[in-house]
Every structure is written in structure tokens, then in C-alpha cells.
Amino acid sequence: MSDYRLTNEKMKTYDGEAPTLFKTGAKLAEIGEKQNIANESLAANVNSLIKRVCALEEQHLQTVEIMKKIANELNSFKKELDRLRLSDKLNTNAVERLDRAVKMLQEINSENQ
């Protein structure tokens, strides 16, 4: 990330020198000094906000990574659950077939006796 920090030097509008493009004239000394104070305060607030945004971005990236891991685990769990359901259904069907076969054998045996 580029250096977006605002320094007090960058924020000064009055330095007591002759007026230039971004500087005020010497007659406006009081206004310039007050503006410098306001700009320094603004710079501090902006720098604080930049740090907070960077921290939130990092936290967001960590959260996204955790969510991806959870989604992968959920997919694995769903596949395993589907496999178990299919296995249960197949086992239930096999038990029912065996039960019918045993009943048929019992009927055949009872008829033969």
C-alpha cells in the first residue's frame, strides 16, 4: 500500500514566508497558524482512519480465509453425510431382501412339511 500518511509538513499552509501557490501571505499570519493547527489535527485523524481501515482490511482477509475453510469442511461433511445416507438405504434394502428371502424359505418349508 502506498504511503497515504499526512505529515504536519505536508499539511502546513502558512510558514511565514512570502506567498506562493499554496502559501498564504504574511498578513494572514493568525489565520494561517490556526489553519495549520486544524490541518495537523485533520492529518492525525486521517492517519488514524487509514490505520483502522488497514486493520479492517486485514481482518476481512482473515475472515474470508476462515469462511473458505469452513465451506470446504461443510462440503466434505455433506459428501460424507450423503455417502452414509446411501449406505444406510442400501443396507436397509439388503435387509428387506434378506427378510423376504427368509420368509419365502419359511413358507416353502412349511408347505413341504
Protein backbone atom coordinates (compact mmCIF):
# COMPACT_ATOMS: atom_id res chain seq x y z
CA MET A 1 0.00 0.00 0.00
CA SER A 2 1.31 3.47 -0.84
CA ASP A 3 2.18 5.87 1.91
CA TYR A 4 -1.02 7.86 2.38
CA ARG A 5 0.06 9.32 5.70
CA LEU A 6 -0.31 13.01 6.01
CA THR A 7 2.56 14.71 7.77
CA ASN A 8 2.40 18.04 9.52
CA GLU A 9 4.83 19.44 6.95
CA LYS A 10 2.56 18.37 4.08
CA MET A 11 -0.44 19.98 5.75
CA LYS A 12 1.06 23.42 6.51
CA THR A 13 -0.45 26.29 4.60
CA TYR A 14 1.46 29.08 6.31
CA ASP A 15 5.16 29.14 7.07
CA GLY A 16 5.81 32.88 7.44
CA GLU A 17 7.46 33.15 4.01
CA ALA A 18 6.33 35.16 1.02
CA PRO A 19 3.15 33.89 -0.64
CA THR A 20 3.47 31.05 -3.12
CA LEU A 21 0.91 28.88 -4.88
CA PHE A 22 -0.25 27.07 -1.72
CA LYS A 23 1.03 29.50 0.91
CA THR A 24 -0.79 32.45 2.44
CA GLY A 25 0.64 35.94 2.74
CA ALA A 26 2.30 37.27 5.91
CA LYS A 27 -0.73 39.47 6.65
CA LEU A 28 -2.78 36.36 7.21
CA ALA A 29 -0.42 35.01 9.87
CA GLU A 30 -3.05 34.36 12.52
CA ILE A 31 -5.41 32.67 10.08
CA GLY A 32 -2.55 30.62 8.64
CA GLU A 33 -1.39 29.45 12.06
CA LYS A 34 -4.92 28.44 13.04
CA GLN A 35 -5.30 26.65 9.72
CA ASN A 36 -2.03 24.81 10.32
CA ILE A 37 -3.32 23.64 13.70
CA ALA A 38 -6.58 22.50 12.11
CA ASN A 39 -4.70 20.75 9.31
CA GLU A 40 -2.42 18.95 11.76
CA SER A 41 -5.46 17.72 13.66
CA LEU A 42 -7.07 16.62 10.41
CA ALA A 43 -3.89 14.84 9.37
CA ALA A 44 -3.78 12.95 12.67
CA ASN A 45 -7.43 11.90 12.28
CA VAL A 46 -6.93 10.83 8.67
CA ASN A 47 -3.81 8.84 9.57
CA SER A 48 -5.73 7.15 12.39
CA LEU A 49 -8.54 6.27 10.00
CA ILE A 50 -6.07 4.86 7.47
CA LYS A 51 -4.61 2.58 10.17
CA ARG A 52 -8.11 1.43 11.16
CA VAL A 53 -9.06 0.73 7.54
CA CYS A 54 -5.87 -1.27 7.03
CA ALA A 55 -6.62 -3.28 10.18
CA LEU A 56 -10.19 -3.90 9.00
CA GLU A 57 -8.92 -4.99 5.57
CA GLU A 58 -6.56 -7.47 7.21
CA GLN A 59 -9.35 -8.75 9.46
CA HIS A 60 -11.62 -9.09 6.42
CA LEU A 61 -9.00 -11.13 4.57
CA GLN A 62 -8.62 -13.43 7.58
CA THR A 63 -12.40 -13.82 7.83
CA VAL A 64 -12.66 -14.66 4.13
CA GLU A 65 -9.93 -17.29 4.53
CA ILE A 66 -11.70 -18.81 7.54
CA MET A 67 -15.01 -18.86 5.64
CA LYS A 68 -13.35 -20.67 2.73
CA LYS A 69 -12.03 -23.31 5.12
CA ILE A 70 -15.47 -23.67 6.71
CA ALA A 71 -17.08 -24.00 3.26
CA ASN A 72 -14.61 -26.74 2.32
CA GLU A 73 -15.29 -28.58 5.57
CA LEU A 74 -19.03 -28.22 5.01
CA ASN A 75 -18.73 -29.69 1.52
CA SER A 76 -16.71 -32.62 2.89
CA PHE A 77 -19.27 -33.14 5.64
CA LYS A 78 -22.15 -33.05 3.12
CA LYS A 79 -20.42 -35.64 0.90
CA GLU A 80 -19.84 -37.90 3.89
CA LEU A 81 -23.44 -37.49 5.05
CA ASP A 82 -24.74 -38.30 1.56
CA ARG A 83 -22.50 -41.39 1.48
CA LEU A 84 -23.83 -42.52 4.85
CA ARG A 85 -27.43 -41.97 3.77
CA LEU A 86 -26.85 -44.01 0.61
CA SER A 87 -25.11 -46.73 2.58
CA ASP A 88 -27.99 -46.77 5.08
CA LYS A 89 -30.55 -47.03 2.27
CA LEU A 90 -28.60 -49.82 0.56
CA ASN A 91 -28.24 -51.69 3.86
CA THR A 92 -31.95 -51.25 4.60
CA ASN A 93 -32.85 -52.57 1.15
CA ALA A 94 -30.47 -55.51 1.59
CA VAL A 95 -32.01 -56.33 5.00
CA GLU A 96 -35.51 -56.19 3.49
CA ARG A 97 -34.47 -58.54 0.66
CA LEU A 98 -32.91 -60.96 3.12
CA ASP A 99 -36.06 -60.78 5.27
CA ARG A 100 -38.26 -61.59 2.26
CA ALA A 101 -35.96 -64.45 1.28
CA VAL A 102 -36.12 -65.91 4.79
CA LYS A 103 -39.93 -65.63 4.82
CA MET A 104 -40.12 -67.34 1.41
CA LEU A 105 -37.91 -70.15 2.67
CA GLN A 106 -40.07 -70.50 5.76
CA GLU A 107 -43.20 -70.69 3.55
CA ILE A 108 -41.57 -73.31 1.32
CA ASN A 109 -40.51 -75.33 4.36
CA SER A 110 -43.97 -75.13 5.92
CA GLU A 111 -45.57 -76.29 2.63
CA ASN A 112 -43.15 -79.23 2.36
CA GLN A 113 -43.90 -80.45 5.82
